[in-house]
Amino acid sequence: FLYYLGNELEQATNYADLAVSSDRYNPAALTNKGNTVFANGDYEKAAE
């Protein structure tokens, strides 16, 4: 989330992936992952 706020999408994506792989049931991690995908223009995947 902090990297996302700083507009460092690559780092934000890396940590979002780590968060999701560490706990697949963490809604905040999944939301952050969605945000990084949304920022890259893949709205369909973000919605998932």
ModelCIF file with pLDDT and N, C-alpha, C, O atoms, coordinates in Angstrom:
data_MODEL
#
_entry.id   MODEL 
#
_entity.id                         1 
_entity.type                       polymer 
_entity.pdbx_number_of_molecules   1 
#
_entity_poly.entity_id                      1 
_entity_poly.type                           'polypeptide(L)' 
_entity_poly.nstd_linkage                   no 
_entity_poly.nstd_monomer                   no 
_entity_poly.pdbx_seq_one_letter_code       FLYYLGNELEQATNYADLAVSSDRYNPAALTNKGNTVFANGDYEKAAE 
_entity_poly.pdbx_seq_one_letter_code_can   FLYYLGNELEQATNYADLAVSSDRYNPAALTNKGNTVFANGDYEKAAE 
_entity_poly.pdbx_strand_id                 A 
#
loop_
_entity_poly_seq.entity_id 
_entity_poly_seq.num 
_entity_poly_seq.mon_id 
_entity_poly_seq.hetero 
1 1  PHE n 
1 2  LEU n 
1 3  TYR n 
1 4  TYR n 
1 5  LEU n 
1 6  GLY n 
1 7  ASN n 
1 8  GLU n 
1 9  LEU n 
1 10 GLU n 
1 11 GLN n 
1 12 ALA n 
1 13 THR n 
1 14 ASN n 
1 15 TYR n 
1 16 ALA n 
1 17 ASP n 
1 18 LEU n 
1 19 ALA n 
1 20 VAL n 
1 21 SER n 
1 22 SER n 
1 23 ASP n 
1 24 ARG n 
1 25 TYR n 
1 26 ASN n 
1 27 PRO n 
1 28 ALA n 
1 29 ALA n 
1 30 LEU n 
1 31 THR n 
1 32 ASN n 
1 33 LYS n 
1 34 GLY n 
1 35 ASN n 
1 36 THR n 
1 37 VAL n 
1 38 PHE n 
1 39 ALA n 
1 40 ASN n 
1 41 GLY n 
1 42 ASP n 
1 43 TYR n 
1 44 GLU n 
1 45 LYS n 
1 46 ALA n 
1 47 ALA n 
1 48 GLU n 
#
_struct_asym.id          A 
_struct_asym.entity_id   1 
#
loop_
_ma_qa_metric.id 
_ma_qa_metric.mode 
_ma_qa_metric.name 
_ma_qa_metric.software_group_id 
_ma_qa_metric.type 
1 global pLDDT . pLDDT 
2 local  pLDDT . pLDDT 
#
_ma_qa_metric_global.metric_id      1 
_ma_qa_metric_global.metric_value   90.60 
_ma_qa_metric_global.model_id       1 
_ma_qa_metric_global.ordinal_id     1 
#
loop_
_ma_qa_metric_local.label_asym_id 
_ma_qa_metric_local.label_comp_id 
_ma_qa_metric_local.label_seq_id 
_ma_qa_metric_local.metric_id 
_ma_qa_metric_local.metric_value 
_ma_qa_metric_local.model_id 
_ma_qa_metric_local.ordinal_id 
A PHE 1  2 88.00 1 1  
A LEU 2  2 88.00 1 2  
A TYR 3  2 88.00 1 3  
A TYR 4  2 90.00 1 4  
A LEU 5  2 89.00 1 5  
A GLY 6  2 89.00 1 6  
A ASN 7  2 88.00 1 7  
A GLU 8  2 88.00 1 8  
A LEU 9  2 87.00 1 9  
A GLU 10 2 90.00 1 10 
A GLN 11 2 88.00 1 11 
A ALA 12 2 88.00 1 12 
A THR 13 2 89.00 1 13 
A ASN 14 2 88.00 1 14 
A TYR 15 2 86.00 1 15 
A ALA 16 2 88.00 1 16 
A ASP 17 2 89.00 1 17 
A LEU 18 2 85.00 1 18 
A ALA 19 2 85.00 1 19 
A VAL 20 2 88.00 1 20 
A SER 21 2 83.00 1 21 
A SER 22 2 81.00 1 22 
A ASP 23 2 83.00 1 23 
A ARG 24 2 85.00 1 24 
A TYR 25 2 90.00 1 25 
A ASN 26 2 89.00 1 26 
A PRO 27 2 93.00 1 27 
A ALA 28 2 92.00 1 28 
A ALA 29 2 91.00 1 29 
A LEU 30 2 94.00 1 30 
A THR 31 2 94.00 1 31 
A ASN 32 2 92.00 1 32 
A LYS 33 2 94.00 1 33 
A GLY 34 2 95.00 1 34 
A ASN 35 2 94.00 1 35 
A THR 36 2 93.00 1 36 
A VAL 37 2 94.00 1 37 
A PHE 38 2 96.00 1 38 
A ALA 39 2 94.00 1 39 
A ASN 40 2 92.00 1 40 
A GLY 41 2 95.00 1 41 
A ASP 42 2 96.00 1 42 
A TYR 43 2 97.00 1 43 
A GLU 44 2 97.00 1 44 
A LYS 45 2 96.00 1 45 
A ALA 46 2 96.00 1 46 
A ALA 47 2 97.00 1 47 
A GLU 48 2 97.00 1 48 
#
loop_
_atom_site.group_PDB 
_atom_site.id 
_atom_site.type_symbol 
_atom_site.label_atom_id 
_atom_site.label_alt_id 
_atom_site.label_comp_id 
_atom_site.label_asym_id 
_atom_site.label_entity_id 
_atom_site.label_seq_id 
_atom_site.pdbx_PDB_ins_code 
_atom_site.Cartn_x 
_atom_site.Cartn_y 
_atom_site.Cartn_z 
_atom_site.occupancy 
_atom_site.B_iso_or_equiv 
_atom_site.pdbx_formal_charge 
_atom_site.auth_seq_id 
_atom_site.auth_comp_id 
_atom_site.auth_asym_id 
_atom_site.auth_atom_id 
_atom_site.pdbx_PDB_model_num 
ATOM 1   N N  . PHE A 1 1  ? 0.830   -1.206  0.000   1.00 88.00 ? 1  PHE A N  1 
ATOM 2   C CA . PHE A 1 1  ? 0.000   0.000   0.000   1.00 88.00 ? 1  PHE A CA 1 
ATOM 3   C C  . PHE A 1 1  ? 0.868   1.262   0.000   1.00 88.00 ? 1  PHE A C  1 
ATOM 4   O O  . PHE A 1 1  ? 0.574   2.221   -0.714  1.00 88.00 ? 1  PHE A O  1 
ATOM 5   N N  . LEU A 1 2  ? 1.938   1.257   0.803   1.00 88.00 ? 2  LEU A N  1 
ATOM 6   C CA . LEU A 1 2  ? 2.825   2.425   0.853   1.00 88.00 ? 2  LEU A CA 1 
ATOM 7   C C  . LEU A 1 2  ? 3.505   2.669   -0.494  1.00 88.00 ? 2  LEU A C  1 
ATOM 8   O O  . LEU A 1 2  ? 3.601   3.808   -0.949  1.00 88.00 ? 2  LEU A O  1 
ATOM 9   N N  . TYR A 1 3  ? 3.977   1.595   -1.127  1.00 88.00 ? 3  TYR A N  1 
ATOM 10  C CA . TYR A 1 3  ? 4.599   1.745   -2.446  1.00 88.00 ? 3  TYR A CA 1 
ATOM 11  C C  . TYR A 1 3  ? 3.570   2.197   -3.482  1.00 88.00 ? 3  TYR A C  1 
ATOM 12  O O  . TYR A 1 3  ? 3.884   2.974   -4.383  1.00 88.00 ? 3  TYR A O  1 
ATOM 13  N N  . TYR A 1 4  ? 2.342   1.704   -3.346  1.00 90.00 ? 4  TYR A N  1 
ATOM 14  C CA . TYR A 1 4  ? 1.273   2.111   -4.263  1.00 90.00 ? 4  TYR A CA 1 
ATOM 15  C C  . TYR A 1 4  ? 1.015   3.610   -4.128  1.00 90.00 ? 4  TYR A C  1 
ATOM 16  O O  . TYR A 1 4  ? 0.880   4.316   -5.128  1.00 90.00 ? 4  TYR A O  1 
ATOM 17  N N  . LEU A 1 5  ? 0.948   4.092   -2.881  1.00 89.00 ? 5  LEU A N  1 
ATOM 18  C CA . LEU A 1 5  ? 0.748   5.528   -2.646  1.00 89.00 ? 5  LEU A CA 1 
ATOM 19  C C  . LEU A 1 5  ? 1.897   6.349   -3.212  1.00 89.00 ? 5  LEU A C  1 
ATOM 20  O O  . LEU A 1 5  ? 1.694   7.470   -3.681  1.00 89.00 ? 5  LEU A O  1 
ATOM 21  N N  . GLY A 1 6  ? 3.117   5.785   -3.169  1.00 89.00 ? 6  GLY A N  1 
ATOM 22  C CA . GLY A 1 6  ? 4.291   6.465   -3.717  1.00 89.00 ? 6  GLY A CA 1 
ATOM 23  C C  . GLY A 1 6  ? 4.423   6.285   -5.217  1.00 89.00 ? 6  GLY A C  1 
ATOM 24  O O  . GLY A 1 6  ? 5.420   6.701   -5.807  1.00 89.00 ? 6  GLY A O  1 
ATOM 25  N N  . ASN A 1 7  ? 3.417   5.662   -5.847  1.00 88.00 ? 7  ASN A N  1 
ATOM 26  C CA . ASN A 1 7  ? 3.396   5.428   -7.295  1.00 88.00 ? 7  ASN A CA 1 
ATOM 27  C C  . ASN A 1 7  ? 4.564   4.566   -7.776  1.00 88.00 ? 7  ASN A C  1 
ATOM 28  O O  . ASN A 1 7  ? 5.016   4.699   -8.913  1.00 88.00 ? 7  ASN A O  1 
ATOM 29  N N  . GLU A 1 8  ? 5.048   3.678   -6.898  1.00 88.00 ? 8  GLU A N  1 
ATOM 30  C CA . GLU A 1 8  ? 6.087   2.720   -7.282  1.00 88.00 ? 8  GLU A CA 1 
ATOM 31  C C  . GLU A 1 8  ? 5.387   1.379   -7.519  1.00 88.00 ? 8  GLU A C  1 
ATOM 32  O O  . GLU A 1 8  ? 5.385   0.498   -6.659  1.00 88.00 ? 8  GLU A O  1 
ATOM 33  N N  . LEU A 1 9  ? 4.797   1.250   -8.702  1.00 87.00 ? 9  LEU A N  1 
ATOM 34  C CA . LEU A 1 9  ? 3.906   0.113   -8.988  1.00 87.00 ? 9  LEU A CA 1 
ATOM 35  C C  . LEU A 1 9  ? 4.619   -1.231  -8.975  1.00 87.00 ? 9  LEU A C  1 
ATOM 36  O O  . LEU A 1 9  ? 4.047   -2.237  -8.555  1.00 87.00 ? 9  LEU A O  1 
ATOM 37  N N  . GLU A 1 10 ? 5.878   -1.252  -9.439  1.00 90.00 ? 10 GLU A N  1 
ATOM 38  C CA . GLU A 1 10 ? 6.594   -2.532  -9.477  1.00 90.00 ? 10 GLU A CA 1 
ATOM 39  C C  . GLU A 1 10 ? 6.789   -3.091  -8.073  1.00 90.00 ? 10 GLU A C  1 
ATOM 40  O O  . GLU A 1 10 ? 6.529   -4.267  -7.819  1.00 90.00 ? 10 GLU A O  1 
ATOM 41  N N  . GLN A 1 11 ? 7.254   -2.226  -7.155  1.00 88.00 ? 11 GLN A N  1 
ATOM 42  C CA . GLN A 1 11 ? 7.440   -2.645  -5.765  1.00 88.00 ? 11 GLN A CA 1 
ATOM 43  C C  . GLN A 1 11 ? 6.093   -2.981  -5.113  1.00 88.00 ? 11 GLN A C  1 
ATOM 44  O O  . GLN A 1 11 ? 5.982   -3.950  -4.361  1.00 88.00 ? 11 GLN A O  1 
ATOM 45  N N  . ALA A 1 12 ? 5.081   -2.173  -5.410  1.00 88.00 ? 12 ALA A N  1 
ATOM 46  C CA . ALA A 1 12 ? 3.743   -2.424  -4.856  1.00 88.00 ? 12 ALA A CA 1 
ATOM 47  C C  . ALA A 1 12 ? 3.240   -3.793  -5.306  1.00 88.00 ? 12 ALA A C  1 
ATOM 48  O O  . ALA A 1 12 ? 2.647   -4.531  -4.520  1.00 88.00 ? 12 ALA A O  1 
ATOM 49  N N  . THR A 1 13 ? 3.479   -4.125  -6.569  1.00 89.00 ? 13 THR A N  1 
ATOM 50  C CA . THR A 1 13 ? 3.056   -5.427  -7.107  1.00 89.00 ? 13 THR A CA 1 
ATOM 51  C C  . THR A 1 13 ? 3.800   -6.562  -6.433  1.00 89.00 ? 13 THR A C  1 
ATOM 52  O O  . THR A 1 13 ? 3.198   -7.572  -6.068  1.00 89.00 ? 13 THR A O  1 
ATOM 53  N N  . ASN A 1 14 ? 5.136   -6.399  -6.259  1.00 88.00 ? 14 ASN A N  1 
ATOM 54  C CA . ASN A 1 14 ? 5.943   -7.445  -5.607  1.00 88.00 ? 14 ASN A CA 1 
ATOM 55  C C  . ASN A 1 14 ? 5.428   -7.745  -4.205  1.00 88.00 ? 14 ASN A C  1 
ATOM 56  O O  . ASN A 1 14 ? 5.251   -8.908  -3.841  1.00 88.00 ? 14 ASN A O  1 
ATOM 57  N N  . TYR A 1 15 ? 5.188   -6.699  -3.422  1.00 86.00 ? 15 TYR A N  1 
ATOM 58  C CA . TYR A 1 15 ? 4.717   -6.900  -2.047  1.00 86.00 ? 15 TYR A CA 1 
ATOM 59  C C  . TYR A 1 15 ? 3.268   -7.391  -2.005  1.00 86.00 ? 15 TYR A C  1 
ATOM 60  O O  . TYR A 1 15 ? 2.892   -8.138  -1.101  1.00 86.00 ? 15 TYR A O  1 
ATOM 61  N N  . ALA A 1 16 ? 2.456   -6.975  -2.976  1.00 88.00 ? 16 ALA A N  1 
ATOM 62  C CA . ALA A 1 16 ? 1.074   -7.487  -3.047  1.00 88.00 ? 16 ALA A CA 1 
ATOM 63  C C  . ALA A 1 16 ? 1.092   -8.992  -3.314  1.00 88.00 ? 16 ALA A C  1 
ATOM 64  O O  . ALA A 1 16 ? 0.321   -9.748  -2.723  1.00 88.00 ? 16 ALA A O  1 
ATOM 65  N N  . ASP A 1 17 ? 1.990   -9.419  -4.217  1.00 89.00 ? 17 ASP A N  1 
ATOM 66  C CA . ASP A 1 17 ? 2.121   -10.861 -4.505  1.00 89.00 ? 17 ASP A CA 1 
ATOM 67  C C  . ASP A 1 17 ? 2.575   -11.622 -3.267  1.00 89.00 ? 17 ASP A C  1 
ATOM 68  O O  . ASP A 1 17 ? 2.061   -12.700 -2.969  1.00 89.00 ? 17 ASP A O  1 
ATOM 69  N N  . LEU A 1 18 ? 3.553   -11.051 -2.539  1.00 85.00 ? 18 LEU A N  1 
ATOM 70  C CA . LEU A 1 18 ? 4.062   -11.683 -1.316  1.00 85.00 ? 18 LEU A CA 1 
ATOM 71  C C  . LEU A 1 18 ? 2.951   -11.790 -0.268  1.00 85.00 ? 18 LEU A C  1 
ATOM 72  O O  . LEU A 1 18 ? 2.813   -12.817 0.397   1.00 85.00 ? 18 LEU A O  1 
ATOM 73  N N  . ALA A 1 19 ? 2.160   -10.718 -0.127  1.00 85.00 ? 19 ALA A N  1 
ATOM 74  C CA . ALA A 1 19 ? 1.074   -10.699 0.860   1.00 85.00 ? 19 ALA A CA 1 
ATOM 75  C C  . ALA A 1 19 ? 0.031   -11.769 0.536   1.00 85.00 ? 19 ALA A C  1 
ATOM 76  O O  . ALA A 1 19 ? -0.437  -12.478 1.427   1.00 85.00 ? 19 ALA A O  1 
ATOM 77  N N  . VAL A 1 20 ? -0.326  -11.878 -0.734  1.00 88.00 ? 20 VAL A N  1 
ATOM 78  C CA . VAL A 1 20 ? -1.346  -12.851 -1.146  1.00 88.00 ? 20 VAL A CA 1 
ATOM 79  C C  . VAL A 1 20 ? -0.824  -14.275 -0.998  1.00 88.00 ? 20 VAL A C  1 
ATOM 80  O O  . VAL A 1 20 ? -1.555  -15.158 -0.551  1.00 88.00 ? 20 VAL A O  1 
ATOM 81  N N  . SER A 1 21 ? 0.451   -14.509 -1.372  1.00 83.00 ? 21 SER A N  1 
ATOM 82  C CA . SER A 1 21 ? 1.002   -15.870 -1.260  1.00 83.00 ? 21 SER A CA 1 
ATOM 83  C C  . SER A 1 21 ? 1.185   -16.276 0.206   1.00 83.00 ? 21 SER A C  1 
ATOM 84  O O  . SER A 1 21 ? 1.118   -17.463 0.524   1.00 83.00 ? 21 SER A O  1 
ATOM 85  N N  . SER A 1 22 ? 1.418   -15.304 1.106   1.00 81.00 ? 22 SER A N  1 
ATOM 86  C CA . SER A 1 22 ? 1.571   -15.601 2.534   1.00 81.00 ? 22 SER A CA 1 
ATOM 87  C C  . SER A 1 22 ? 0.237   -15.906 3.201   1.00 81.00 ? 22 SER A C  1 
ATOM 88  O O  . SER A 1 22 ? 0.172   -16.718 4.123   1.00 81.00 ? 22 SER A O  1 
ATOM 89  N N  . ASP A 1 23 ? -0.839  -15.248 2.732   1.00 83.00 ? 23 ASP A N  1 
ATOM 90  C CA . ASP A 1 23 ? -2.166  -15.473 3.311   1.00 83.00 ? 23 ASP A CA 1 
ATOM 91  C C  . ASP A 1 23 ? -3.221  -15.189 2.242   1.00 83.00 ? 23 ASP A C  1 
ATOM 92  O O  . ASP A 1 23 ? -3.603  -14.040 2.022   1.00 83.00 ? 23 ASP A O  1 
ATOM 93  N N  . ARG A 1 24 ? -3.680  -16.239 1.591   1.00 85.00 ? 24 ARG A N  1 
ATOM 94  C CA . ARG A 1 24 ? -4.624  -16.114 0.468   1.00 85.00 ? 24 ARG A CA 1 
ATOM 95  C C  . ARG A 1 24 ? -5.987  -15.599 0.923   1.00 85.00 ? 24 ARG A C  1 
ATOM 96  O O  . ARG A 1 24 ? -6.800  -15.185 0.096   1.00 85.00 ? 24 ARG A O  1 
ATOM 97  N N  . TYR A 1 25 ? -6.244  -15.620 2.232   1.00 90.00 ? 25 TYR A N  1 
ATOM 98  C CA . TYR A 1 25 ? -7.554  -15.190 2.731   1.00 90.00 ? 25 TYR A CA 1 
ATOM 99  C C  . TYR A 1 25 ? -7.535  -13.778 3.319   1.00 90.00 ? 25 TYR A C  1 
ATOM 100 O O  . TYR A 1 25 ? -8.479  -13.369 3.995   1.00 90.00 ? 25 TYR A O  1 
ATOM 101 N N  . ASN A 1 26 ? -6.460  -13.040 3.059   1.00 89.00 ? 26 ASN A N  1 
ATOM 102 C CA . ASN A 1 26 ? -6.333  -11.681 3.574   1.00 89.00 ? 26 ASN A CA 1 
ATOM 103 C C  . ASN A 1 26 ? -7.006  -10.717 2.590   1.00 89.00 ? 26 ASN A C  1 
ATOM 104 O O  . ASN A 1 26 ? -6.469  -10.470 1.511   1.00 89.00 ? 26 ASN A O  1 
ATOM 105 N N  . PRO A 1 27 ? -8.199  -10.157 2.956   1.00 93.00 ? 27 PRO A N  1 
ATOM 106 C CA . PRO A 1 27 ? -8.917  -9.304  1.997   1.00 93.00 ? 27 PRO A CA 1 
ATOM 107 C C  . PRO A 1 27 ? -8.151  -8.035  1.623   1.00 93.00 ? 27 PRO A C  1 
ATOM 108 O O  . PRO A 1 27 ? -8.252  -7.557  0.493   1.00 93.00 ? 27 PRO A O  1 
ATOM 109 N N  . ALA A 1 28 ? -7.378  -7.485  2.582   1.00 92.00 ? 28 ALA A N  1 
ATOM 110 C CA . ALA A 1 28 ? -6.602  -6.273  2.280   1.00 92.00 ? 28 ALA A CA 1 
ATOM 111 C C  . ALA A 1 28 ? -5.503  -6.577  1.268   1.00 92.00 ? 28 ALA A C  1 
ATOM 112 O O  . ALA A 1 28 ? -5.221  -5.764  0.388   1.00 92.00 ? 28 ALA A O  1 
ATOM 113 N N  . ALA A 1 29 ? -4.881  -7.754  1.394   1.00 91.00 ? 29 ALA A N  1 
ATOM 114 C CA . ALA A 1 29 ? -3.834  -8.149  0.442   1.00 91.00 ? 29 ALA A CA 1 
ATOM 115 C C  . ALA A 1 29 ? -4.429  -8.324  -0.953  1.00 91.00 ? 29 ALA A C  1 
ATOM 116 O O  . ALA A 1 29 ? -3.841  -7.892  -1.944  1.00 91.00 ? 29 ALA A O  1 
ATOM 117 N N  . LEU A 1 30 ? -5.594  -8.959  -1.025  1.00 94.00 ? 30 LEU A N  1 
ATOM 118 C CA . LEU A 1 30 ? -6.256  -9.167  -2.313  1.00 94.00 ? 30 LEU A CA 1 
ATOM 119 C C  . LEU A 1 30 ? -6.695  -7.836  -2.935  1.00 94.00 ? 30 LEU A C  1 
ATOM 120 O O  . LEU A 1 30 ? -6.627  -7.656  -4.151  1.00 94.00 ? 30 LEU A O  1 
ATOM 121 N N  . THR A 1 31 ? -7.142  -6.915  -2.089  1.00 94.00 ? 31 THR A N  1 
ATOM 122 C CA . THR A 1 31 ? -7.540  -5.588  -2.580  1.00 94.00 ? 31 THR A CA 1 
ATOM 123 C C  . THR A 1 31 ? -6.334  -4.844  -3.136  1.00 94.00 ? 31 THR A C  1 
ATOM 124 O O  . THR A 1 31 ? -6.411  -4.230  -4.200  1.00 94.00 ? 31 THR A O  1 
ATOM 125 N N  . ASN A 1 32 ? -5.205  -4.902  -2.403  1.00 92.00 ? 32 ASN A N  1 
ATOM 126 C CA . ASN A 1 32 ? -3.984  -4.256  -2.899  1.00 92.00 ? 32 ASN A CA 1 
ATOM 127 C C  . ASN A 1 32 ? -3.534  -4.851  -4.216  1.00 92.00 ? 32 ASN A C  1 
ATOM 128 O O  . ASN A 1 32 ? -3.125  -4.133  -5.128  1.00 92.00 ? 32 ASN A O  1 
ATOM 129 N N  . LYS A 1 33 ? -3.611  -6.181  -4.311  1.00 94.00 ? 33 LYS A N  1 
ATOM 130 C CA . LYS A 1 33 ? -3.238  -6.847  -5.565  1.00 94.00 ? 33 LYS A CA 1 
ATOM 131 C C  . LYS A 1 33 ? -4.149  -6.363  -6.690  1.00 94.00 ? 33 LYS A C  1 
ATOM 132 O O  . LYS A 1 33 ? -3.690  -6.081  -7.797  1.00 94.00 ? 33 LYS A O  1 
ATOM 133 N N  . GLY A 1 34 ? -5.432  -6.271  -6.394  1.00 95.00 ? 34 GLY A N  1 
ATOM 134 C CA . GLY A 1 34 ? -6.375  -5.739  -7.375  1.00 95.00 ? 34 GLY A CA 1 
ATOM 135 C C  . GLY A 1 34 ? -6.028  -4.321  -7.787  1.00 95.00 ? 34 GLY A C  1 
ATOM 136 O O  . GLY A 1 34 ? -6.139  -3.965  -8.961  1.00 95.00 ? 34 GLY A O  1 
ATOM 137 N N  . ASN A 1 35 ? -5.601  -3.499  -6.813  1.00 94.00 ? 35 ASN A N  1 
ATOM 138 C CA . ASN A 1 35 ? -5.244  -2.108  -7.108  1.00 94.00 ? 35 ASN A CA 1 
ATOM 139 C C  . ASN A 1 35 ? -4.048  -2.017  -8.055  1.00 94.00 ? 35 ASN A C  1 
ATOM 140 O O  . ASN A 1 35 ? -4.021  -1.177  -8.955  1.00 94.00 ? 35 ASN A O  1 
ATOM 141 N N  . THR A 1 36 ? -3.060  -2.888  -7.844  1.00 93.00 ? 36 THR A N  1 
ATOM 142 C CA . THR A 1 36 ? -1.872  -2.835  -8.718  1.00 93.00 ? 36 THR A CA 1 
ATOM 143 C C  . THR A 1 36 ? -2.246  -3.274  -10.138 1.00 93.00 ? 36 THR A C  1 
ATOM 144 O O  . THR A 1 36 ? -1.747  -2.721  -11.117 1.00 93.00 ? 36 THR A O  1 
ATOM 145 N N  . VAL A 1 37 ? -3.121  -4.262  -10.236 1.00 94.00 ? 37 VAL A N  1 
ATOM 146 C CA . VAL A 1 37 ? -3.578  -4.727  -11.552 1.00 94.00 ? 37 VAL A CA 1 
ATOM 147 C C  . VAL A 1 37 ? -4.440  -3.643  -12.213 1.00 94.00 ? 37 VAL A C  1 
ATOM 148 O O  . VAL A 1 37 ? -4.326  -3.400  -13.414 1.00 94.00 ? 37 VAL A O  1 
ATOM 149 N N  . PHE A 1 38 ? -5.304  -2.994  -11.417 1.00 96.00 ? 38 PHE A N  1 
ATOM 150 C CA . PHE A 1 38 ? -6.155  -1.894  -11.899 1.00 96.00 ? 38 PHE A CA 1 
ATOM 151 C C  . PHE A 1 38 ? -5.290  -0.771  -12.463 1.00 96.00 ? 38 PHE A C  1 
ATOM 152 O O  . PHE A 1 38 ? -5.577  -0.228  -13.530 1.00 96.00 ? 38 PHE A O  1 
ATOM 153 N N  . ALA A 1 39 ? -4.218  -0.426  -11.726 1.00 94.00 ? 39 ALA A N  1 
ATOM 154 C CA . ALA A 1 39 ? -3.327  0.663   -12.157 1.00 94.00 ? 39 ALA A CA 1 
ATOM 155 C C  . ALA A 1 39 ? -2.647  0.347   -13.486 1.00 94.00 ? 39 ALA A C  1 
ATOM 156 O O  . ALA A 1 39 ? -2.269  1.254   -14.228 1.00 94.00 ? 39 ALA A O  1 
ATOM 157 N N  . ASN A 1 40 ? -2.492  -0.949  -13.784 1.00 92.00 ? 40 ASN A N  1 
ATOM 158 C CA . ASN A 1 40 ? -1.896  -1.356  -15.058 1.00 92.00 ? 40 ASN A CA 1 
ATOM 159 C C  . ASN A 1 40 ? -2.940  -1.502  -16.162 1.00 92.00 ? 40 ASN A C  1 
ATOM 160 O O  . ASN A 1 40 ? -2.610  -1.902  -17.279 1.00 92.00 ? 40 ASN A O  1 
ATOM 161 N N  . GLY A 1 41 ? -4.203  -1.179  -15.856 1.00 95.00 ? 41 GLY A N  1 
ATOM 162 C CA . GLY A 1 41 ? -5.247  -1.150  -16.876 1.00 95.00 ? 41 GLY A CA 1 
ATOM 163 C C  . GLY A 1 41 ? -5.983  -2.459  -17.115 1.00 95.00 ? 41 GLY A C  1 
ATOM 164 O O  . GLY A 1 41 ? -6.809  -2.541  -18.024 1.00 95.00 ? 41 GLY A O  1 
ATOM 165 N N  . ASP A 1 42 ? -5.695  -3.497  -16.305 1.00 96.00 ? 42 ASP A N  1 
ATOM 166 C CA . ASP A 1 42 ? -6.401  -4.777  -16.477 1.00 96.00 ? 42 ASP A CA 1 
ATOM 167 C C  . ASP A 1 42 ? -7.582  -4.811  -15.502 1.00 96.00 ? 42 ASP A C  1 
ATOM 168 O O  . ASP A 1 42 ? -7.502  -5.420  -14.436 1.00 96.00 ? 42 ASP A O  1 
ATOM 169 N N  . TYR A 1 43 ? -8.673  -4.150  -15.884 1.00 97.00 ? 43 TYR A N  1 
ATOM 170 C CA . TYR A 1 43 ? -9.819  -3.974  -14.989 1.00 97.00 ? 43 TYR A CA 1 
ATOM 171 C C  . TYR A 1 43 ? -10.558 -5.279  -14.730 1.00 97.00 ? 43 TYR A C  1 
ATOM 172 O O  . TYR A 1 43 ? -11.102 -5.479  -13.644 1.00 97.00 ? 43 TYR A O  1 
ATOM 173 N N  . GLU A 1 44 ? -10.581 -6.165  -15.714 1.00 97.00 ? 44 GLU A N  1 
ATOM 174 C CA . GLU A 1 44 ? -11.255 -7.453  -15.559 1.00 97.00 ? 44 GLU A CA 1 
ATOM 175 C C  . GLU A 1 44 ? -10.582 -8.289  -14.478 1.00 97.00 ? 44 GLU A C  1 
ATOM 176 O O  . GLU A 1 44 ? -11.244 -8.864  -13.613 1.00 97.00 ? 44 GLU A O  1 
ATOM 177 N N  . LYS A 1 45 ? -9.235  -8.346  -14.544 1.00 96.00 ? 45 LYS A N  1 
ATOM 178 C CA . LYS A 1 45 ? -8.482  -9.127  -13.559 1.00 96.00 ? 45 LYS A CA 1 
ATOM 179 C C  . LYS A 1 45 ? -8.575  -8.468  -12.177 1.00 96.00 ? 45 LYS A C  1 
ATOM 180 O O  . LYS A 1 45 ? -8.683  -9.152  -11.159 1.00 96.00 ? 45 LYS A O  1 
ATOM 181 N N  . ALA A 1 46 ? -8.531  -7.138  -12.158 1.00 96.00 ? 46 ALA A N  1 
ATOM 182 C CA . ALA A 1 46 ? -8.666  -6.406  -10.890 1.00 96.00 ? 46 ALA A CA 1 
ATOM 183 C C  . ALA A 1 46 ? -9.997  -6.751  -10.232 1.00 96.00 ? 46 ALA A C  1 
ATOM 184 O O  . ALA A 1 46 ? -10.058 -6.976  -9.023  1.00 96.00 ? 46 ALA A O  1 
ATOM 185 N N  . ALA A 1 47 ? -11.065 -6.792  -11.032 1.00 97.00 ? 47 ALA A N  1 
ATOM 186 C CA . ALA A 1 47 ? -12.393 -7.124  -10.505 1.00 97.00 ? 47 ALA A CA 1 
ATOM 187 C C  . ALA A 1 47 ? -12.400 -8.511  -9.861  1.00 97.00 ? 47 ALA A C  1 
ATOM 188 O O  . ALA A 1 47 ? -13.069 -8.726  -8.850  1.00 97.00 ? 47 ALA A O  1 
ATOM 189 N N  . GLU A 1 48 ? -11.653 -9.451  -10.450 1.00 97.00 ? 48 GLU A N  1 
ATOM 190 C CA . GLU A 1 48 ? -11.576 -10.806 -9.877  1.00 97.00 ? 48 GLU A CA 1 
ATOM 191 C C  . GLU A 1 48 ? -10.949 -10.779 -8.485  1.00 97.00 ? 48 GLU A C  1 
ATOM 192 O O  . GLU A 1 48 ? -10.805 -11.826 -7.853  1.00 97.00 ? 48 GLU A O  1 
#
